[in-house]
Amino acid sequence: MKAFLAAVAVMAMITVAAPFALQQIGFSAADAGTGSAVRLD
């Protein structure tokens, strides 16, 4: 049971921290979805 709770806690921490970490390294979903190679019909 302790391992399960630890895994849930780690998953929650990753879920919360991921957007901040990705923003710090310069990843942006807006940048990935815009540009000359993206067609919006």
N, C-alpha and C. Protein backbone atom coordinates (compact mmCIF):
# COMPACT_ATOMS: atom_id res chain seq x y z
N MET A 1 0.82 -1.20 0.00
CA MET A 1 0.00 0.00 0.00
C MET A 1 0.87 1.27 0.00
N LYS A 2 2.01 1.19 0.71
CA LYS A 2 2.89 2.36 0.74
C LYS A 2 3.45 2.66 -0.64
N ALA A 3 3.76 1.62 -1.39
CA ALA A 3 4.30 1.83 -2.74
C ALA A 3 3.25 2.46 -3.65
N PHE A 4 2.02 2.04 -3.51
CA PHE A 4 0.94 2.60 -4.32
C PHE A 4 0.75 4.08 -4.00
N LEU A 5 0.72 4.43 -2.73
CA LEU A 5 0.55 5.83 -2.33
C LEU A 5 1.73 6.68 -2.78
N ALA A 6 2.92 6.11 -2.71
CA ALA A 6 4.10 6.83 -3.18
C ALA A 6 4.02 7.07 -4.68
N ALA A 7 3.56 6.08 -5.42
CA ALA A 7 3.43 6.22 -6.87
C ALA A 7 2.38 7.28 -7.22
N VAL A 8 1.27 7.30 -6.51
CA VAL A 8 0.24 8.31 -6.76
C VAL A 8 0.77 9.70 -6.43
N ALA A 9 1.52 9.82 -5.35
CA ALA A 9 2.09 11.11 -4.98
C ALA A 9 3.08 11.60 -6.03
N VAL A 10 3.92 10.70 -6.53
CA VAL A 10 4.89 11.07 -7.56
C VAL A 10 4.18 11.47 -8.85
N MET A 11 3.15 10.74 -9.24
CA MET A 11 2.41 11.09 -10.46
C MET A 11 1.75 12.46 -10.32
N ALA A 12 1.19 12.75 -9.16
CA ALA A 12 0.56 14.06 -8.94
C ALA A 12 1.61 15.17 -9.00
N MET A 13 2.78 14.92 -8.42
CA MET A 13 3.84 15.91 -8.43
C MET A 13 4.32 16.17 -9.86
N ILE A 14 4.48 15.13 -10.65
CA ILE A 14 4.90 15.29 -12.04
C ILE A 14 3.85 16.04 -12.84
N THR A 15 2.57 15.72 -12.60
CA THR A 15 1.49 16.38 -13.32
C THR A 15 1.46 17.87 -13.03
N VAL A 16 1.72 18.25 -11.80
CA VAL A 16 1.72 19.66 -11.43
C VAL A 16 2.97 20.36 -11.92
N ALA A 17 4.11 19.69 -11.86
CA ALA A 17 5.38 20.34 -12.19
C ALA A 17 5.67 20.38 -13.70
N ALA A 18 5.10 19.49 -14.47
CA ALA A 18 5.42 19.39 -15.90
C ALA A 18 5.18 20.69 -16.67
N PRO A 19 4.03 21.34 -16.53
CA PRO A 19 3.84 22.58 -17.30
C PRO A 19 4.88 23.65 -16.97
N PHE A 20 5.25 23.77 -15.70
CA PHE A 20 6.25 24.76 -15.31
C PHE A 20 7.61 24.41 -15.89
N ALA A 21 7.98 23.14 -15.85
CA ALA A 21 9.27 22.71 -16.39
C ALA A 21 9.32 22.91 -17.90
N LEU A 22 8.25 22.56 -18.59
CA LEU A 22 8.22 22.73 -20.05
C LEU A 22 8.28 24.20 -20.43
N GLN A 23 7.64 25.04 -19.64
CA GLN A 23 7.69 26.49 -19.93
C GLN A 23 9.10 27.02 -19.73
N GLN A 24 9.80 26.52 -18.74
CA GLN A 24 11.17 26.99 -18.47
C GLN A 24 12.14 26.62 -19.59
N ILE A 25 11.93 25.46 -20.24
CA ILE A 25 12.83 25.07 -21.32
C ILE A 25 12.40 25.62 -22.67
N GLY A 26 11.29 26.36 -22.69
CA GLY A 26 10.88 27.04 -23.91
C GLY A 26 9.86 26.31 -24.75
N PHE A 27 9.28 25.23 -24.25
CA PHE A 27 8.26 24.53 -25.02
C PHE A 27 6.93 25.25 -24.86
N SER A 28 6.26 25.47 -25.97
CA SER A 28 4.96 26.11 -25.93
C SER A 28 4.04 25.41 -26.92
N ALA A 29 2.87 25.00 -26.47
CA ALA A 29 1.91 24.36 -27.36
C ALA A 29 1.45 25.34 -28.44
N ALA A 30 1.41 26.63 -28.11
CA ALA A 30 1.04 27.64 -29.09
C ALA A 30 2.07 27.71 -30.21
N ASP A 31 3.34 27.61 -29.86
CA ASP A 31 4.38 27.63 -30.88
C ASP A 31 4.34 26.38 -31.74
N ALA A 32 4.03 25.24 -31.13
CA ALA A 32 3.97 23.99 -31.88
C ALA A 32 2.77 23.96 -32.82
N GLY A 33 1.72 24.71 -32.51
CA GLY A 33 0.50 24.68 -33.32
C GLY A 33 0.38 25.83 -34.29
N THR A 34 1.41 26.65 -34.41
CA THR A 34 1.38 27.77 -35.34
C THR A 34 2.65 27.76 -36.18
N GLY A 35 2.60 28.40 -37.29
CA GLY A 35 3.77 28.49 -38.15
C GLY A 35 3.39 28.31 -39.60
N SER A 36 4.39 28.33 -40.46
CA SER A 36 4.12 28.24 -41.89
C SER A 36 3.72 26.82 -42.31
N ALA A 37 4.06 25.82 -41.55
CA ALA A 37 3.74 24.43 -41.92
C ALA A 37 2.40 23.95 -41.37
N VAL A 38 1.68 24.82 -40.66
CA VAL A 38 0.41 24.43 -40.07
C VAL A 38 -0.73 24.97 -40.91
N ARG A 39 -1.63 24.09 -41.31
CA ARG A 39 -2.79 24.52 -42.11
C ARG A 39 -4.02 24.55 -41.23
N LEU A 40 -4.69 25.66 -41.20
CA LEU A 40 -5.95 25.80 -40.47
C LEU A 40 -7.06 26.07 -41.46
N ASP A 41 -7.78 25.01 -41.82
CA ASP A 41 -8.87 25.14 -42.80
C ASP A 41 -10.20 25.33 -42.12
